PDB file of all heavy atoms in Angstrom:
ATOM      1  N   ILE A   1     123.193  65.633 100.815  1.00  0.00           N
ATOM      2  CA  ILE A   1     123.289  65.958  99.390  1.00  0.00           C
ATOM      3  C   ILE A   1     123.722  67.404  99.197  1.00  0.00           C
ATOM      4  O   ILE A   1     123.124  68.305  99.767  1.00  0.00           O
ATOM      5  CB  ILE A   1     121.951  65.720  98.673  1.00  0.00           C
ATOM      6  CG1 ILE A   1     121.568  64.247  98.720  1.00  0.00           C
ATOM      7  CG2 ILE A   1     122.029  66.209  97.226  1.00  0.00           C
ATOM      8  CD1 ILE A   1     120.202  63.956  98.146  1.00  0.00           C
ATOM      9  N   ASN A   2     124.750  67.613  98.399  1.00  0.00           N
ATOM     10  CA  ASN A   2     125.153  68.968  98.047  1.00  0.00           C
ATOM     11  C   ASN A   2     124.848  69.195  96.577  1.00  0.00           C
ATOM     12  O   ASN A   2     123.775  69.645  96.210  1.00  0.00           O
ATOM     13  CB  ASN A   2     126.629  69.179  98.350  1.00  0.00           C
ATOM     14  CG  ASN A   2     127.051  70.625  98.092  1.00  0.00           C
ATOM     15  OD1 ASN A   2     126.236  71.480  97.736  1.00  0.00           O
ATOM     16  ND2 ASN A   2     128.321  70.907  98.269  1.00  0.00           N
ATOM     17  N   THR A   3     125.777  68.850  95.711  1.00  0.00           N
ATOM     18  CA  THR A   3     125.560  69.041  94.277  1.00  0.00           C
ATOM     19  C   THR A   3     124.779  67.879  93.692  1.00  0.00           C
ATOM     20  O   THR A   3     125.025  66.719  94.027  1.00  0.00           O
ATOM     21  CB  THR A   3     126.903  69.179  93.552  1.00  0.00           C
ATOM     22  OG1 THR A   3     127.577  70.342  94.034  1.00  0.00           O
ATOM     23  CG2 THR A   3     126.702  69.306  92.052  1.00  0.00           C
ATOM     24  N   MET A   4     123.827  68.206  92.822  1.00  0.00           N
ATOM     25  CA  MET A   4     123.092  67.203  92.070  1.00  0.00           C
ATOM     26  C   MET A   4     123.305  67.461  90.586  1.00  0.00           C
ATOM     27  O   MET A   4     123.629  68.583  90.180  1.00  0.00           O
ATOM     28  CB  MET A   4     121.601  67.237  92.410  1.00  0.00           C
ATOM     29  CG  MET A   4     121.316  66.902  93.855  1.00  0.00           C
ATOM     30  SD  MET A   4     119.556  66.823  94.219  1.00  0.00           S
ATOM     31  CE  MET A   4     119.122  65.249  93.443  1.00  0.00           C
ATOM     32  N   ALA A   5     123.091  66.415  89.807  1.00  0.00           N
ATOM     33  CA  ALA A   5     123.385  66.542  88.383  1.00  0.00           C
ATOM     34  C   ALA A   5     122.430  65.717  87.538  1.00  0.00           C
ATOM     35  O   ALA A   5     121.845  64.742  88.016  1.00  0.00           O
ATOM     36  CB  ALA A   5     124.818  66.090  88.099  1.00  0.00           C
ATOM     37  N   TRP A   6     122.289  66.133  86.301  1.00  0.00           N
ATOM     38  CA  TRP A   6     121.619  65.343  85.266  1.00  0.00           C
ATOM     39  C   TRP A   6     122.678  64.883  84.272  1.00  0.00           C
ATOM     40  O   TRP A   6     123.500  65.674  83.803  1.00  0.00           O
ATOM     41  CB  TRP A   6     120.573  66.165  84.529  1.00  0.00           C
ATOM     42  CG  TRP A   6     119.330  66.414  85.297  1.00  0.00           C
ATOM     43  CD1 TRP A   6     118.992  67.555  85.965  1.00  0.00           C
ATOM     44  CD2 TRP A   6     118.239  65.512  85.489  1.00  0.00           C
ATOM     45  NE1 TRP A   6     117.768  67.415  86.549  1.00  0.00           N
ATOM     46  CE2 TRP A   6     117.277  66.165  86.272  1.00  0.00           C
ATOM     47  CE3 TRP A   6     117.982  64.197  85.063  1.00  0.00           C
ATOM     48  CZ2 TRP A   6     116.080  65.570  86.654  1.00  0.00           C
ATOM     49  CZ3 TRP A   6     116.791  63.604  85.430  1.00  0.00           C
ATOM     50  CH2 TRP A   6     115.852  64.284  86.222  1.00  0.00           C
ATOM     51  N   TYR A   7     122.643  63.603  83.974  1.00  0.00           N
ATOM     52  CA  TYR A   7     123.457  63.010  82.921  1.00  0.00           C
ATOM     53  C   TYR A   7     122.520  62.435  81.866  1.00  0.00           C
ATOM     54  O   TYR A   7     121.335  62.237  82.112  1.00  0.00           O
ATOM     55  CB  TYR A   7     124.316  61.862  83.473  1.00  0.00           C
ATOM     56  CG  TYR A   7     125.525  62.266  84.253  1.00  0.00           C
ATOM     57  CD1 TYR A   7     125.421  62.740  85.555  1.00  0.00           C
ATOM     58  CD2 TYR A   7     126.799  62.145  83.704  1.00  0.00           C
ATOM     59  CE1 TYR A   7     126.549  63.102  86.275  1.00  0.00           C
ATOM     60  CE2 TYR A   7     127.939  62.488  84.416  1.00  0.00           C
ATOM     61  CZ  TYR A   7     127.800  62.963  85.707  1.00  0.00           C
ATOM     62  OH  TYR A   7     128.923  63.309  86.427  1.00  0.00           O
ATOM     63  N   ARG A   8     123.068  62.141  80.709  1.00  0.00           N
ATOM     64  CA  ARG A   8     122.298  61.442  79.687  1.00  0.00           C
ATOM     65  C   ARG A   8     123.212  60.484  78.935  1.00  0.00           C
ATOM     66  O   ARG A   8     124.425  60.700  78.843  1.00  0.00           O
ATOM     67  CB  ARG A   8     121.628  62.417  78.718  1.00  0.00           C
ATOM     68  CG  ARG A   8     122.583  63.216  77.851  1.00  0.00           C
ATOM     69  CD  ARG A   8     121.805  64.246  77.025  1.00  0.00           C
ATOM     70  NE  ARG A   8     122.677  65.060  76.195  1.00  0.00           N
ATOM     71  CZ  ARG A   8     122.260  66.103  75.476  1.00  0.00           C
ATOM     72  NH1 ARG A   8     120.962  66.452  75.490  1.00  0.00           N
ATOM     73  NH2 ARG A   8     123.114  66.797  74.741  1.00  0.00           N
ATOM     74  N   GLN A   9     122.583  59.444  78.399  1.00  0.00           N
ATOM     75  CA  GLN A   9     123.334  58.466  77.622  1.00  0.00           C
ATOM     76  C   GLN A   9     122.514  58.077  76.400  1.00  0.00           C
ATOM     77  O   GLN A   9     121.423  57.508  76.537  1.00  0.00           O
ATOM     78  CB  GLN A   9     123.681  57.228  78.441  1.00  0.00           C
ATOM     79  CG  GLN A   9     124.610  56.264  77.726  1.00  0.00           C
ATOM     80  CD  GLN A   9     125.206  55.233  78.652  1.00  0.00           C
ATOM     81  OE1 GLN A   9     124.695  54.983  79.744  1.00  0.00           O
ATOM     82  NE2 GLN A   9     126.326  54.648  78.247  1.00  0.00           N
ATOM     83  N   ALA A  10     123.043  58.404  75.237  1.00  0.00           N
ATOM     84  CA  ALA A  10     122.406  58.022  73.978  1.00  0.00           C
ATOM     85  C   ALA A  10     122.916  56.650  73.562  1.00  0.00           C
ATOM     86  O   ALA A  10     124.011  56.235  73.978  1.00  0.00           O
ATOM     87  CB  ALA A  10     122.718  59.057  72.913  1.00  0.00           C
ATOM     88  N   PRO A  11     122.160  55.942  72.729  1.00  0.00           N
ATOM     89  CA  PRO A  11     122.589  54.604  72.289  1.00  0.00           C
ATOM     90  C   PRO A  11     123.968  54.640  71.643  1.00  0.00           C
ATOM     91  O   PRO A  11     124.233  55.469  70.768  1.00  0.00           O
ATOM     92  CB  PRO A  11     121.508  54.218  71.273  1.00  0.00           C
ATOM     93  CG  PRO A  11     120.320  54.994  71.680  1.00  0.00           C
ATOM     94  CD  PRO A  11     120.840  56.298  72.207  1.00  0.00           C
ATOM     95  N   GLY A  12     124.844  53.774  72.094  1.00  0.00           N
ATOM     96  CA  GLY A  12     126.174  53.673  71.515  1.00  0.00           C
ATOM     97  C   GLY A  12     127.139  54.760  71.941  1.00  0.00           C
ATOM     98  O   GLY A  12     128.254  54.829  71.429  1.00  0.00           O
ATOM     99  N   LYS A  13     126.718  55.612  72.874  1.00  0.00           N
ATOM    100  CA  LYS A  13     127.572  56.707  73.313  1.00  0.00           C
ATOM    101  C   LYS A  13     127.831  56.623  74.804  1.00  0.00           C
ATOM    102  O   LYS A  13     127.118  55.944  75.542  1.00  0.00           O
ATOM    103  CB  LYS A  13     126.935  58.057  72.967  1.00  0.00           C
ATOM    104  CG  LYS A  13     126.814  58.315  71.473  1.00  0.00           C
ATOM    105  CD  LYS A  13     126.366  59.733  71.208  1.00  0.00           C
ATOM    106  CE  LYS A  13     126.342  60.034  69.715  1.00  0.00           C
ATOM    107  NZ  LYS A  13     125.924  61.440  69.445  1.00  0.00           N
ATOM    108  N   GLN A  14     128.875  57.328  75.244  1.00  0.00           N
ATOM    109  CA  GLN A  14     129.189  57.366  76.665  1.00  0.00           C
ATOM    110  C   GLN A  14     128.206  58.275  77.401  1.00  0.00           C
ATOM    111  O   GLN A  14     127.598  59.177  76.814  1.00  0.00           O
ATOM    112  CB  GLN A  14     130.620  57.889  76.867  1.00  0.00           C
ATOM    113  CG  GLN A  14     131.698  56.898  76.453  1.00  0.00           C
ATOM    114  CD  GLN A  14     133.075  57.346  76.890  1.00  0.00           C
ATOM    115  OE1 GLN A  14     133.349  58.539  77.005  1.00  0.00           O
ATOM    116  NE2 GLN A  14     133.954  56.396  77.146  1.00  0.00           N
ATOM    117  N   ARG A  15     128.062  58.022  78.683  1.00  0.00           N
ATOM    118  CA  ARG A  15     127.216  58.871  79.506  1.00  0.00           C
ATOM    119  C   ARG A  15     127.831  60.269  79.555  1.00  0.00           C
ATOM    120  O   ARG A  15     129.042  60.425  79.732  1.00  0.00           O
ATOM    121  CB  ARG A  15     127.065  58.284  80.902  1.00  0.00           C
ATOM    122  CG  ARG A  15     125.962  58.908  81.716  1.00  0.00           C
ATOM    123  CD  ARG A  15     125.657  58.093  82.966  1.00  0.00           C
ATOM    124  NE  ARG A  15     125.076  56.783  82.626  1.00  0.00           N
ATOM    125  CZ  ARG A  15     124.567  55.958  83.551  1.00  0.00           C
ATOM    126  NH1 ARG A  15     124.555  56.313  84.818  1.00  0.00           N
ATOM    127  NH2 ARG A  15     124.078  54.801  83.180  1.00  0.00           N
ATOM    128  N   GLU A  16     126.974  61.277  79.416  1.00  0.00           N
ATOM    129  CA  GLU A  16     127.419  62.667  79.304  1.00  0.00           C
ATOM    130  C   GLU A  16     126.802  63.503  80.407  1.00  0.00           C
ATOM    131  O   GLU A  16     125.587  63.414  80.662  1.00  0.00           O
ATOM    132  CB  GLU A  16     127.001  63.207  77.931  1.00  0.00           C
ATOM    133  CG  GLU A  16     127.206  64.680  77.727  1.00  0.00           C
ATOM    134  CD  GLU A  16     126.556  65.203  76.452  1.00  0.00           C
ATOM    135  OE1 GLU A  16     125.429  64.768  76.127  1.00  0.00           O
ATOM    136  OE2 GLU A  16     127.182  66.045  75.797  1.00  0.00           O
ATOM    137  N   LEU A  17     127.620  64.362  81.044  1.00  0.00           N
ATOM    138  CA  LEU A  17     127.105  65.298  82.032  1.00  0.00           C
ATOM    139  C   LEU A  17     126.352  66.410  81.306  1.00  0.00           C
ATOM    140  O   LEU A  17     126.902  67.044  80.408  1.00  0.00           O
ATOM    141  CB  LEU A  17     128.252  65.889  82.851  1.00  0.00           C
ATOM    142  CG  LEU A  17     127.886  66.938  83.891  1.00  0.00           C
ATOM    143  CD1 LEU A  17     126.945  66.379  84.939  1.00  0.00           C
ATOM    144  CD2 LEU A  17     129.153  67.496  84.544  1.00  0.00           C
ATOM    145  N   VAL A  18     125.112  66.654  81.723  1.00  0.00           N
ATOM    146  CA  VAL A  18     124.277  67.661  81.071  1.00  0.00           C
ATOM    147  C   VAL A  18     124.240  68.957  81.878  1.00  0.00           C
ATOM    148  O   VAL A  18     124.444  70.039  81.320  1.00  0.00           O
ATOM    149  CB  VAL A  18     122.842  67.128  80.880  1.00  0.00           C
ATOM    150  CG1 VAL A  18     121.941  68.213  80.297  1.00  0.00           C
ATOM    151  CG2 VAL A  18     122.844  65.889  80.008  1.00  0.00           C
ATOM    152  N   ALA A  19     123.975  68.846  83.185  1.00  0.00           N
ATOM    153  CA  ALA A  19     123.839  70.045  84.007  1.00  0.00           C
ATOM    154  C   ALA A  19     124.049  69.688  85.468  1.00  0.00           C
ATOM    155  O   ALA A  19     123.802  68.549  85.872  1.00  0.00           O
ATOM    156  CB  ALA A  19     122.462  70.669  83.818  1.00  0.00           C
ATOM    157  N   THR A  20     124.508  70.680  86.227  1.00  0.00           N
ATOM    158  CA  THR A  20     124.703  70.496  87.658  1.00  0.00           C
ATOM    159  C   THR A  20     124.105  71.667  88.419  1.00  0.00           C
ATOM    160  O   THR A  20     123.985  72.778  87.881  1.00  0.00           O
ATOM    161  CB  THR A  20     126.187  70.378  88.039  1.00  0.00           C
ATOM    162  OG1 THR A  20     126.855  71.600  87.666  1.00  0.00           O
ATOM    163  CG2 THR A  20     126.855  69.205  87.348  1.00  0.00           C
ATOM    164  N   ILE A  21     123.747  71.418  89.678  1.00  0.00           N
ATOM    165  CA  ILE A  21     123.244  72.483  90.540  1.00  0.00           C
ATOM    166  C   ILE A  21     123.720  72.196  91.962  1.00  0.00           C
ATOM    167  O   ILE A  21     123.602  71.076  92.458  1.00  0.00           O
ATOM    168  CB  ILE A  21     121.706  72.601  90.468  1.00  0.00           C
ATOM    169  CG1 ILE A  21     121.237  73.789  91.306  1.00  0.00           C
ATOM    170  CG2 ILE A  21     121.019  71.310  90.881  1.00  0.00           C
ATOM    171  CD1 ILE A  21     119.787  74.180  91.034  1.00  0.00           C
ATOM    172  N   THR A  22     124.292  73.216  92.602  1.00  0.00           N
ATOM    173  CA  THR A  22     124.752  73.054  93.971  1.00  0.00           C
ATOM    174  C   THR A  22     123.611  73.316  94.942  1.00  0.00           C
ATOM    175  O   THR A  22     122.542  73.799  94.567  1.00  0.00           O
ATOM    176  CB  THR A  22     125.902  74.027  94.277  1.00  0.00           C
ATOM    177  OG1 THR A  22     125.368  75.367  94.282  1.00  0.00           O
ATOM    178  CG2 THR A  22     127.017  73.906  93.258  1.00  0.00           C
ATOM    179  N   ARG A  23     123.861  73.026  96.220  1.00  0.00           N
ATOM    180  CA  ARG A  23     122.850  73.310  97.238  1.00  0.00           C
ATOM    181  C   ARG A  23     122.512  74.799  97.258  1.00  0.00           C
ATOM    182  O   ARG A  23     121.377  75.177  97.520  1.00  0.00           O
ATOM    183  CB  ARG A  23     123.340  72.821  98.594  1.00  0.00           C
ATOM    184  CG  ARG A  23     122.418  73.151  99.747  1.00  0.00           C
ATOM    185  CD  ARG A  23     122.888  72.505 101.040  1.00  0.00           C
ATOM    186  NE  ARG A  23     122.586  71.088 101.062  1.00  0.00           N
ATOM    187  CZ  ARG A  23     121.422  70.577 101.467  1.00  0.00           C
ATOM    188  NH1 ARG A  23     120.449  71.361 101.866  1.00  0.00           N
ATOM    189  NH2 ARG A  23     121.231  69.270 101.460  1.00  0.00           N
ATOM    190  N   GLY A  24     123.503  75.621  96.965  1.00  0.00           N
ATOM    191  CA  GLY A  24     123.279  77.063  96.966  1.00  0.00           C
ATOM    192  C   GLY A  24     122.632  77.583  95.706  1.00  0.00           C
ATOM    193  O   GLY A  24     122.331  78.771  95.600  1.00  0.00           O
ATOM    194  N   GLY A  25     122.441  76.702  94.716  1.00  0.00           N
ATOM    195  CA  GLY A  25     121.749  77.122  93.505  1.00  0.00           C
ATOM    196  C   GLY A  25     122.634  77.477  92.336  1.00  0.00           C
ATOM    197  O   GLY A  25     122.131  77.897  91.282  1.00  0.00           O
ATOM    198  N   THR A  26     123.933  77.316  92.464  1.00  0.00           N
ATOM    199  CA  THR A  26     124.829  77.588  91.339  1.00  0.00           C
ATOM    200  C   THR A  26     124.673  76.492  90.293  1.00  0.00           C
ATOM    201  O   THR A  26     124.691  75.313  90.621  1.00  0.00           O
ATOM    202  CB  THR A  26     126.282  77.649  91.810  1.00  0.00           C
ATOM    203  OG1 THR A  26     126.406  78.692  92.779  1.00  0.00           O
ATOM    204  CG2 THR A  26     127.221  77.931  90.645  1.00  0.00           C
ATOM    205  N   THR A  27     124.513  76.900  89.053  1.00  0.00           N
ATOM    206  CA  THR A  27     124.254  75.950  87.980  1.00  0.00           C
ATOM    207  C   THR A  27     125.352  75.976  86.923  1.00  0.00           C
ATOM    208  O   THR A  27     126.073  76.971  86.767  1.00  0.00           O
ATOM    209  CB  THR A  27     122.911  76.246  87.300  1.00  0.00           C
ATOM    210  OG1 THR A  27     122.943  77.567  86.746  1.00  0.00           O
ATOM    211  CG2 THR A  27     121.771  76.164  88.301  1.00  0.00           C
ATOM    212  N   ASP A  28     125.444  74.886  86.197  1.00  0.00           N
ATOM    213  CA  ASP A  28     126.390  74.795  85.087  1.00  0.00           C
ATOM    214  C   ASP A  28     125.804  73.837  84.056  1.00  0.00           C
ATOM    215  O   ASP A  28     125.053  72.917  84.425  1.00  0.00           O
ATOM    216  CB  ASP A  28     127.750  74.304  85.559  1.00  0.00           C
ATOM    217  CG  ASP A  28     128.852  74.585  84.532  1.00  0.00           C
ATOM    218  OD1 ASP A  28     128.603  75.359  83.584  1.00  0.00           O
ATOM    219  OD2 ASP A  28     129.953  74.019  84.668  1.00  0.00           O
ATOM    220  N   TYR A  29     126.142  74.070  82.789  1.00  0.00           N
ATOM    221  CA  TYR A  29     125.556  73.292  81.694  1.00  0.00           C
ATOM    222  C   TYR A  29     126.621  72.917  80.671  1.00  0.00           C
ATOM    223  O   TYR A  29     127.579  73.658  80.443  1.00  0.00           O
ATOM    224  CB  TYR A  29     124.480  74.103  80.977  1.00  0.00           C
ATOM    225  CG  TYR A  29     123.346  74.558  81.843  1.00  0.00           C
ATOM    226  CD1 TYR A  29     123.404  75.766  82.526  1.00  0.00           C
ATOM    227  CD2 TYR A  29     122.205  73.770  81.990  1.00  0.00           C
ATOM    228  CE1 TYR A  29     122.366  76.185  83.331  1.00  0.00           C
ATOM    229  CE2 TYR A  29     121.154  74.192  82.791  1.00  0.00           C
ATOM    230  CZ  TYR A  29     121.237  75.395  83.458  1.00  0.00           C
ATOM    231  OH  TYR A  29     120.196  75.802  84.250  1.00  0.00           O
ATOM    232  N   VAL A  30     126.398  71.788  80.025  1.00  0.00           N
ATOM    233  CA  VAL A  30     127.225  71.458  78.877  1.00  0.00           C
ATOM    234  C   VAL A  30     126.843  72.422  77.751  1.00  0.00           C
ATOM    235  O   VAL A  30     125.692  72.878  77.674  1.00  0.00           O
ATOM    236  CB  VAL A  30     126.995  69.987  78.458  1.00  0.00           C
ATOM    237  CG1 VAL A  30     125.597  69.768  77.935  1.00  0.00           C
ATOM    238  CG2 VAL A  30     128.038  69.540  77.449  1.00  0.00           C
ATOM    239  N   ASP A  31     127.797  72.766  76.914  1.00  0.00           N
ATOM    240  CA  ASP A  31     127.566  73.796  75.899  1.00  0.00           C
ATOM    241  C   ASP A  31     126.368  73.482  74.999  1.00  0.00           C
ATOM    242  O   ASP A  31     125.636  74.387  74.592  1.00  0.00           O
ATOM    243  CB  ASP A  31     128.818  73.968  75.030  1.00  0.00           C
ATOM    244  CG  ASP A  31     129.920  74.717  75.755  1.00  0.00           C
ATOM    245  OD1 ASP A  31     129.643  75.329  76.804  1.00  0.00           O
ATOM    246  OD2 ASP A  31     131.065  74.699  75.267  1.00  0.00           O
ATOM    247  N   SER A  32     126.147  72.217  74.698  1.00  0.00           N
ATOM    248  CA  SER A  32     125.116  71.845  73.732  1.00  0.00           C
ATOM    249  C   SER A  32     123.692  72.117  74.222  1.00  0.00           C
ATOM    250  O   SER A  32     122.750  72.117  73.411  1.00  0.00           O
ATOM    251  CB  SER A  32     125.246  70.372  73.349  1.00  0.00           C
ATOM    252  OG  SER A  32     125.122  69.552  74.488  1.00  0.00           O
ATOM    253  N   VAL A  33     123.511  72.356  75.522  1.00  0.00           N
ATOM    254  CA  VAL A  33     122.156  72.599  76.042  1.00  0.00           C
ATOM    255  C   VAL A  33     121.990  74.009  76.605  1.00  0.00           C
ATOM    256  O   VAL A  33     120.877  74.376  77.011  1.00  0.00           O
ATOM    257  CB  VAL A  33     121.749  71.559  77.110  1.00  0.00           C
ATOM    258  CG1 VAL A  33     121.953  70.149  76.587  1.00  0.00           C
ATOM    259  CG2 VAL A  33     122.493  71.784  78.414  1.00  0.00           C
ATOM    260  N   LYS A  34     123.054  74.780  76.635  1.00  0.00           N
ATOM    261  CA  LYS A  34     122.968  76.142  77.178  1.00  0.00           C
ATOM    262  C   LYS A  34     121.942  76.959  76.409  1.00  0.00           C
ATOM    263  O   LYS A  34     121.915  76.949  75.181  1.00  0.00           O
ATOM    264  CB  LYS A  34     124.337  76.816  77.123  1.00  0.00           C
ATOM    265  CG  LYS A  34     125.296  76.343  78.189  1.00  0.00           C
ATOM    266  CD  LYS A  34     126.639  77.056  78.107  1.00  0.00           C
ATOM    267  CE  LYS A  34     127.577  76.564  79.188  1.00  0.00           C
ATOM    268  NZ  LYS A  34     128.916  77.189  79.098  1.00  0.00           N
ATOM    269  N   GLY A  35     121.096  77.651  77.171  1.00  0.00           N
ATOM    270  CA  GLY A  35     120.048  78.454  76.548  1.00  0.00           C
ATOM    271  C   GLY A  35     118.781  77.686  76.260  1.00  0.00           C
ATOM    272  O   GLY A  35     117.758  78.284  75.917  1.00  0.00           O
ATOM    273  N   ARG A  36     118.830  76.352  76.367  1.00  0.00           N
ATOM    274  CA  ARG A  36     117.632  75.544  76.093  1.00  0.00           C
ATOM    275  C   ARG A  36     117.152  74.792  77.330  1.00  0.00           C
ATOM    276  O   ARG A  36     115.957  74.593  77.516  1.00  0.00           O
ATOM    277  CB  ARG A  36     117.927  74.528  74.978  1.00  0.00           C
ATOM    278  CG  ARG A  36     118.344  75.139  73.665  1.00  0.00           C
ATOM    279  CD  ARG A  36     118.427  74.095  72.549  1.00  0.00           C
ATOM    280  NE  ARG A  36     119.420  73.076  72.806  1.00  0.00           N
ATOM    281  CZ  ARG A  36     119.140  71.767  72.902  1.00  0.00           C
ATOM    282  NH1 ARG A  36     117.887  71.341  72.759  1.00  0.00           N
ATOM    283  NH2 ARG A  36     120.115  70.893  73.113  1.00  0.00           N
ATOM    284  N   PHE A  37     118.080  74.344  78.162  1.00  0.00           N
ATOM    285  CA  PHE A  37     117.757  73.574  79.361  1.00  0.00           C
ATOM    286  C   PHE A  37     117.958  74.432  80.608  1.00  0.00           C
ATOM    287  O   PHE A  37     118.876  75.262  80.656  1.00  0.00           O
ATOM    288  CB  PHE A  37     118.654  72.349  79.480  1.00  0.00           C
ATOM    289  CG  PHE A  37     118.395  71.268  78.458  1.00  0.00           C
ATOM    290  CD1 PHE A  37     117.593  71.472  77.336  1.00  0.00           C
ATOM    291  CD2 PHE A  37     118.987  70.013  78.619  1.00  0.00           C
ATOM    292  CE1 PHE A  37     117.381  70.485  76.408  1.00  0.00           C
ATOM    293  CE2 PHE A  37     118.782  68.997  77.694  1.00  0.00           C
ATOM    294  CZ  PHE A  37     117.972  69.251  76.581  1.00  0.00           C
ATOM    295  N   THR A  38     117.117  74.188  81.623  1.00  0.00           N
ATOM    296  CA  THR A  38     117.258  74.870  82.902  1.00  0.00           C
ATOM    297  C   THR A  38     117.156  73.851  84.018  1.00  0.00           C
ATOM    298  O   THR A  38     116.163  73.124  84.121  1.00  0.00           O
ATOM    299  CB  THR A  38     116.181  75.940  83.086  1.00  0.00           C
ATOM    300  OG1 THR A  38     116.257  76.884  82.023  1.00  0.00           O
ATOM    301  CG2 THR A  38     116.383  76.665  84.420  1.00  0.00           C
ATOM    302  N   ILE A  39     118.176  73.807  84.870  1.00  0.00           N
ATOM    303  CA  ILE A  39     118.175  72.912  86.023  1.00  0.00           C
ATOM    304  C   ILE A  39     117.760  73.704  87.255  1.00  0.00           C
ATOM    305  O   ILE A  39     118.123  74.878  87.403  1.00  0.00           O
ATOM    306  CB  ILE A  39     119.570  72.263  86.214  1.00  0.00           C
ATOM    307  CG1 ILE A  39     119.524  71.172  87.275  1.00  0.00           C
ATOM    308  CG2 ILE A  39     120.625  73.314  86.539  1.00  0.00           C
ATOM    309  CD1 ILE A  39     120.818  70.361  87.363  1.00  0.00           C
ATOM    310  N   SER A  40     116.992  73.072  88.137  1.00  0.00           N
ATOM    311  CA  SER A  40     116.549  73.763  89.350  1.00  0.00           C
ATOM    312  C   SER A  40     116.283  72.740  90.445  1.00  0.00           C
ATOM    313  O   SER A  40     116.218  71.536  90.194  1.00  0.00           O
ATOM    314  CB  SER A  40     115.291  74.589  89.069  1.00  0.00           C
ATOM    315  OG  SER A  40     114.226  73.758  88.651  1.00  0.00           O
ATOM    316  N   ARG A  41     116.140  73.258  91.681  1.00  0.00           N
ATOM    317  CA  ARG A  41     115.820  72.413  92.824  1.00  0.00           C
ATOM    318  C   ARG A  41     114.743  73.101  93.636  1.00  0.00           C
ATOM    319  O   ARG A  41     114.678  74.335  93.702  1.00  0.00           O
ATOM    320  CB  ARG A  41     117.064  72.202  93.716  1.00  0.00           C
ATOM    321  CG  ARG A  41     118.092  71.304  93.125  1.00  0.00           C
ATOM    322  CD  ARG A  41     119.414  71.381  93.860  1.00  0.00           C
ATOM    323  NE  ARG A  41     119.410  70.619  95.107  1.00  0.00           N
ATOM    324  CZ  ARG A  41     120.535  70.304  95.749  1.00  0.00           C
ATOM    325  NH1 ARG A  41     121.699  70.706  95.280  1.00  0.00           N
ATOM    326  NH2 ARG A  41     120.488  69.616  96.876  1.00  0.00           N
ATOM    327  N   ASP A  42     113.908  72.329  94.326  1.00  0.00           N
ATOM    328  CA  ASP A  42     112.907  72.938  95.184  1.00  0.00           C
ATOM    329  C   ASP A  42     113.560  73.376  96.496  1.00  0.00           C
ATOM    330  O   ASP A  42     114.694  73.016  96.794  1.00  0.00           O
ATOM    331  CB  ASP A  42     111.754  71.979  95.437  1.00  0.00           C
ATOM    332  CG  ASP A  42     112.153  70.776  96.285  1.00  0.00           C
ATOM    333  OD1 ASP A  42     113.359  70.555  96.481  1.00  0.00           O
ATOM    334  OD2 ASP A  42     111.249  70.063  96.739  1.00  0.00           O
ATOM    335  N   ASN A  43     112.846  74.174  97.272  1.00  0.00           N
ATOM    336  CA  ASN A  43     113.423  74.735  98.495  1.00  0.00           C
ATOM    337  C   ASN A  43     113.800  73.663  99.508  1.00  0.00           C
ATOM    338  O   ASN A  43     114.733  73.847 100.285  1.00  0.00           O
ATOM    339  CB  ASN A  43     112.443  75.728  99.125  1.00  0.00           C
ATOM    340  CG  ASN A  43     112.320  77.000  98.315  1.00  0.00           C
ATOM    341  OD1 ASN A  43     113.234  77.358  97.582  1.00  0.00           O
ATOM    342  ND2 ASN A  43     111.205  77.681  98.432  1.00  0.00           N
ATOM    343  N   ALA A  44     113.073  72.582  99.535  1.00  0.00           N
ATOM    344  CA  ALA A  44     113.377  71.511 100.478  1.00  0.00           C
ATOM    345  C   ALA A  44     114.563  70.686 100.026  1.00  0.00           C
ATOM    346  O   ALA A  44     115.035  69.820 100.779  1.00  0.00           O
ATOM    347  CB  ALA A  44     112.159  70.610 100.653  1.00  0.00           C
TER     348      ALA A  44
END
């Protein structure tokens, strides 16, 4: 496993990418959740 991601799907809508995190800890977010959501991974 390298990059992991969270997606979401609301009723009647397409699945949407919410946030991603690489093995090295680099993160990215969809604009609508920036500043509100935080993605993270444990050390293992």
